[in-house]
Amino acid sequence: MRFDSRAPDPTQTEIETIDGRRLPVKLIVNPRARHVSVRIDPTRREAIATAPSKRHLKHAAQFAAERAGWIAHELSRLPQGIQLAPGALVPLRGIDHELVYEHGRAAPRIENGKLIAPAPDAALFESRLLRFFKDQARADLVARVAAHAETLGVKPSRLQVKELRSRWGSCSSDGVLSFSWRVICAPEFVLDYLAAHEVAHLREMNHSRRFWAHVRKCMPDYERGREWLHEHGCALHAIGHAR
């Protein structure tokens, strides 16, 4: 294993495994990090080495190189990606649907286990489908967030659904709740758990016992959703990727 110090891009490097394979590693700086670290991004399907400052980037790259075997193993364990393309089977609220392209401009619809997404051109199929998933996720999340917010007596300032690389959701200090669009692919109780989780952060910006008590008040059986994500989260992250 060795660190390729010749890499011209300071935000990208390569490491070599014991069997000669070369794997790309993304290098990032996070001033909040206390030390160098390496993790696998299941959405981008790549290794990310983090350094607390630019001067520690080389150390972070070397740290990743020393863990080349672990990185290769973790990448190999990721589920095969599911591209949003005609013929693919993609879950919606936990139920698999075959994706079907249809020429036209009508709204996507579900018929006999098929998710039909009309588009004026086949090249627009993925973007139309992605918009549909985001709209569906937003509609479900708005309803569940409102219910949980009423339970806890809080009010988020805004709700947004977008591409989140390493989280299913987040709550900012100014009350903005963000969620991954992929939560609409999971069963409904999983989306409900994530809504309760982020709403609870409006009460406690941590994961203390008080925080989990708020989650339980919103959803007494929240462990079911959390356990589902632990078991199936990587497969959920694979949706929308060809590899």
Protein backbone atom coordinates (compact mmCIF):
# COMPACT_ATOMS: atom_id res chain seq x y z
CA MET A 1 0.00 0.00 0.00
CA ARG A 2 1.27 3.49 -0.71
CA PHE A 3 0.09 7.05 -0.92
CA ASP A 4 0.38 8.60 -4.36
CA SER A 5 1.98 11.97 -3.55
CA ARG A 6 2.14 12.83 -7.26
CA ALA A 7 -1.62 13.39 -7.50
CA PRO A 8 -2.07 16.88 -9.01
CA ASP A 9 -5.49 17.53 -7.47
CA PRO A 10 -5.17 18.47 -3.76
CA THR A 11 -8.74 17.26 -3.18
CA GLN A 12 -8.24 13.84 -4.78
CA THR A 13 -5.68 11.09 -4.42
CA GLU A 14 -5.32 7.36 -5.04
CA ILE A 15 -4.36 4.50 -2.78
CA GLU A 16 -3.11 1.07 -3.75
CA THR A 17 -4.35 -2.17 -2.23
CA ILE A 18 -2.16 -5.16 -1.51
CA ASP A 19 -3.35 -6.84 -4.73
CA GLY A 20 -2.41 -3.84 -6.86
CA ARG A 21 -5.82 -2.20 -7.28
CA ARG A 22 -5.88 1.58 -7.18
CA LEU A 23 -8.80 3.27 -5.45
CA PRO A 24 -9.68 6.99 -5.57
CA VAL A 25 -10.00 8.86 -2.27
CA LYS A 26 -11.55 12.28 -1.89
CA LEU A 27 -9.74 14.65 0.48
CA ILE A 28 -11.69 17.29 2.40
CA VAL A 29 -10.93 19.83 5.12
CA ASN A 30 -13.31 20.16 8.06
CA PRO A 31 -12.18 22.68 10.69
CA ARG A 32 -14.51 21.04 13.21
CA ALA A 33 -12.66 17.72 12.92
CA ARG A 34 -10.34 16.98 15.84
CA HIS A 35 -8.17 14.52 13.92
CA VAL A 36 -7.80 12.89 10.52
CA SER A 37 -10.29 10.19 9.61
CA VAL A 38 -11.58 8.14 6.71
CA ARG A 39 -15.11 7.02 5.92
CA ILE A 40 -17.15 5.56 3.08
CA ASP A 41 -19.79 7.76 1.43
CA PRO A 42 -22.47 5.22 0.41
CA THR A 43 -24.24 7.75 -1.83
CA ARG A 44 -21.22 8.77 -3.89
CA ARG A 45 -19.79 5.27 -3.38
CA GLU A 46 -16.33 6.57 -2.59
CA ALA A 47 -13.84 6.87 0.27
CA ILE A 48 -13.46 10.28 1.93
CA ALA A 49 -10.46 11.25 4.04
CA THR A 50 -11.01 14.24 6.33
CA ALA A 51 -8.38 16.58 7.75
CA PRO A 52 -8.87 19.38 10.32
CA SER A 53 -6.78 21.78 8.19
CA LYS A 54 -5.06 21.99 4.80
CA ARG A 55 -1.67 21.27 6.32
CA HIS A 56 -3.02 17.93 7.54
CA LEU A 57 -4.28 16.81 4.10
CA LYS A 58 -1.15 14.78 3.38
CA HIS A 59 -1.51 13.05 6.73
CA ALA A 60 -5.16 12.28 5.94
CA ALA A 61 -4.14 10.76 2.60
CA GLN A 62 -1.49 8.62 4.28
CA PHE A 63 -4.03 7.60 6.92
CA ALA A 64 -6.36 6.41 4.13
CA ALA A 65 -3.51 4.55 2.41
CA GLU A 66 -2.80 2.62 5.59
CA ARG A 67 -6.43 1.50 5.56
CA ALA A 68 -6.60 0.55 1.88
CA GLY A 69 -7.69 -3.00 2.70
CA TRP A 70 -10.54 -1.80 4.88
CA ILE A 71 -11.63 0.74 2.24
CA ALA A 72 -11.65 -1.90 -0.52
CA HIS A 73 -13.64 -4.27 1.69
CA GLU A 74 -16.24 -1.65 2.63
CA LEU A 75 -16.67 -0.52 -0.98
CA SER A 76 -17.16 -4.13 -2.10
CA ARG A 77 -19.94 -4.52 0.49
CA LEU A 78 -22.03 -1.69 -0.92
CA PRO A 79 -25.16 -2.89 -2.72
CA GLN A 80 -25.21 -2.60 -6.48
CA GLY A 81 -26.49 0.78 -7.59
CA ILE A 82 -29.97 1.18 -9.02
CA GLN A 83 -30.17 3.71 -11.82
CA LEU A 84 -33.37 5.68 -12.32
CA ALA A 85 -33.86 4.26 -15.79
CA PRO A 86 -36.67 2.45 -17.62
CA GLY A 87 -36.92 -1.19 -16.57
CA ALA A 88 -35.36 -0.72 -13.13
CA LEU A 89 -37.19 -1.81 -9.99
CA VAL A 90 -37.29 1.03 -7.47
CA PRO A 91 -39.24 1.10 -4.20
CA LEU A 92 -41.78 3.81 -3.44
CA ARG A 93 -42.89 3.84 0.20
CA GLY A 94 -41.26 0.44 0.54
CA ILE A 95 -43.01 -1.22 -2.43
CA ASP A 96 -41.06 -2.05 -5.59
CA HIS A 97 -42.26 -0.49 -8.84
CA GLU A 98 -40.98 -1.01 -12.35
CA LEU A 99 -39.92 2.28 -13.93
CA VAL A 100 -41.55 2.91 -17.31
CA TYR A 101 -40.86 5.72 -19.78
CA GLU A 102 -43.72 7.18 -21.77
CA HIS A 103 -43.52 9.98 -24.30
CA GLY A 104 -45.55 12.94 -23.12
CA ARG A 105 -45.84 15.70 -20.54
CA ALA A 106 -48.37 14.30 -18.07
CA ALA A 107 -47.60 13.81 -14.39
CA PRO A 108 -46.03 10.48 -13.33
CA ARG A 109 -48.57 7.84 -12.29
CA ILE A 110 -48.73 4.34 -10.85
CA GLU A 111 -50.50 1.55 -12.71
CA ASN A 112 -50.38 -2.17 -11.91
CA GLY A 113 -47.09 -2.02 -10.06
CA LYS A 114 -45.47 0.26 -12.63
CA LEU A 115 -44.30 3.82 -12.05
CA ILE A 116 -44.84 5.55 -15.38
CA ALA A 117 -42.98 8.82 -15.86
CA PRO A 118 -43.91 10.68 -19.07
CA ALA A 119 -41.30 13.02 -20.54
CA PRO A 120 -41.02 14.83 -23.89
CA ASP A 121 -37.67 13.12 -24.40
CA ALA A 122 -36.13 9.96 -22.97
CA ALA A 123 -33.13 11.99 -21.84
CA LEU A 124 -35.43 13.84 -19.41
CA PHE A 125 -36.82 10.64 -17.84
CA GLU A 126 -34.46 10.61 -14.85
CA SER A 127 -34.97 14.28 -13.98
CA ARG A 128 -38.76 13.97 -14.22
CA LEU A 129 -38.68 10.89 -12.01
CA LEU A 130 -36.39 12.53 -9.48
CA ARG A 131 -38.73 15.52 -9.27
CA PHE A 132 -41.62 13.12 -8.65
CA PHE A 133 -39.77 11.40 -5.80
CA LYS A 134 -38.91 14.75 -4.21
CA ASP A 135 -42.48 15.99 -4.49
CA GLN A 136 -43.83 12.80 -2.96
CA ALA A 137 -41.27 12.95 -0.14
CA ARG A 138 -42.10 16.58 0.57
CA ALA A 139 -45.85 15.88 0.75
CA ASP A 140 -45.39 13.01 3.23
CA LEU A 141 -42.80 14.87 5.29
CA VAL A 142 -44.84 18.05 5.56
CA ALA A 143 -47.70 16.03 7.05
CA ARG A 144 -45.58 14.03 9.49
CA VAL A 145 -43.40 16.96 10.55
CA ALA A 146 -46.53 19.02 11.27
CA ALA A 147 -47.95 16.22 13.43
CA HIS A 148 -44.75 15.75 15.42
CA ALA A 149 -44.17 19.50 15.76
CA GLU A 150 -47.61 19.85 17.31
CA THR A 151 -46.83 17.02 19.73
CA LEU A 152 -43.65 18.74 20.93
CA GLY A 153 -44.94 22.29 20.70
CA VAL A 154 -42.31 23.46 18.22
CA LYS A 155 -42.35 25.02 14.77
CA PRO A 156 -39.67 24.49 12.12
CA SER A 157 -38.78 27.54 10.06
CA ARG A 158 -38.57 25.62 6.79
CA LEU A 159 -38.59 22.11 5.34
CA GLN A 160 -36.52 21.08 2.36
CA VAL A 161 -36.00 17.86 0.44
CA LYS A 162 -32.74 17.44 -1.44
CA GLU A 163 -29.71 15.27 -2.10
CA LEU A 164 -27.99 14.55 1.20
CA ARG A 165 -24.68 12.73 0.91
CA SER A 166 -24.13 11.34 4.38
CA ARG A 167 -27.34 11.89 6.33
CA TRP A 168 -31.02 11.07 6.08
CA GLY A 169 -31.95 14.36 7.62
CA SER A 170 -30.65 17.37 9.53
CA CYS A 171 -31.85 20.25 11.68
CA SER A 172 -30.04 23.58 11.55
CA SER A 173 -29.70 25.99 14.45
CA ASP A 174 -32.28 28.28 12.82
CA GLY A 175 -34.90 25.54 12.59
CA VAL A 176 -34.51 24.43 8.97
CA LEU A 177 -35.26 20.72 8.55
CA SER A 178 -33.61 18.98 5.59
CA PHE A 179 -34.30 15.46 4.37
CA SER A 180 -32.92 13.12 1.73
CA TRP A 181 -35.35 12.52 -1.13
CA ARG A 182 -34.61 8.80 -0.80
CA VAL A 183 -36.69 8.57 2.38
CA ILE A 184 -39.77 8.24 0.13
CA CYS A 185 -38.34 4.93 -1.10
CA ALA A 186 -38.43 3.47 2.42
CA PRO A 187 -41.53 2.12 4.17
CA GLU A 188 -43.78 4.83 5.61
CA PHE A 189 -42.82 4.11 9.24
CA VAL A 190 -39.18 4.88 8.36
CA LEU A 191 -40.06 8.30 6.94
CA ASP A 192 -42.21 8.90 10.02
CA TYR A 193 -39.27 8.05 12.30
CA LEU A 194 -36.96 10.42 10.44
CA ALA A 195 -39.54 13.21 10.66
CA ALA A 196 -39.85 12.62 14.41
CA HIS A 197 -36.06 12.51 14.78
CA GLU A 198 -35.47 15.88 13.15
CA VAL A 199 -38.42 17.56 14.86
CA ALA A 200 -37.03 16.37 18.21
CA HIS A 201 -33.83 18.25 17.40
CA LEU A 202 -35.84 21.45 17.62
CA ARG A 203 -36.00 20.61 21.32
CA GLU A 204 -32.56 19.08 21.80
CA MET A 205 -29.67 19.64 19.36
CA ASN A 206 -27.97 16.45 20.53
CA HIS A 207 -28.65 12.75 21.03
CA SER A 208 -29.07 12.79 24.79
CA ARG A 209 -31.63 10.83 26.78
CA ARG A 210 -33.89 13.87 26.71
CA PHE A 211 -33.66 13.94 22.92
CA TRP A 212 -34.71 10.29 22.58
CA ALA A 213 -37.52 10.89 25.06
CA HIS A 214 -38.87 13.55 22.68
CA VAL A 215 -38.59 11.12 19.75
CA ARG A 216 -40.45 8.47 21.75
CA LYS A 217 -43.18 10.97 22.62
CA CYS A 218 -43.71 11.54 18.89
CA MET A 219 -43.37 7.90 17.91
CA PRO A 220 -43.43 5.30 20.72
CA ASP A 221 -42.06 2.54 18.44
CA TYR A 222 -39.35 4.69 16.83
CA GLU A 223 -36.76 1.90 17.27
CA ARG A 224 -38.44 0.04 14.41
CA GLY A 225 -37.57 2.80 11.96
CA ARG A 226 -34.06 3.24 13.31
CA GLU A 227 -33.33 -0.48 13.07
CA TRP A 228 -34.68 -0.61 9.50
CA LEU A 229 -32.23 2.11 8.46
CA HIS A 230 -29.34 0.31 10.14
CA GLU A 231 -30.17 -2.83 8.16
CA HIS A 232 -31.25 -1.37 4.82
CA GLY A 233 -29.70 2.10 4.72
CA CYS A 234 -26.91 1.19 2.31
CA ALA A 235 -29.40 -0.26 -0.17
CA LEU A 236 -31.43 2.93 0.09
CA HIS A 237 -28.35 5.02 -0.63
CA ALA A 238 -27.72 2.94 -3.76
CA ILE A 239 -30.91 4.17 -5.43
CA GLY A 240 -30.12 6.62 -8.18
CA HIS A 241 -26.66 5.27 -8.98
CA ALA A 242 -25.64 3.11 -11.92
CA ARG A 243 -22.71 1.34 -10.22
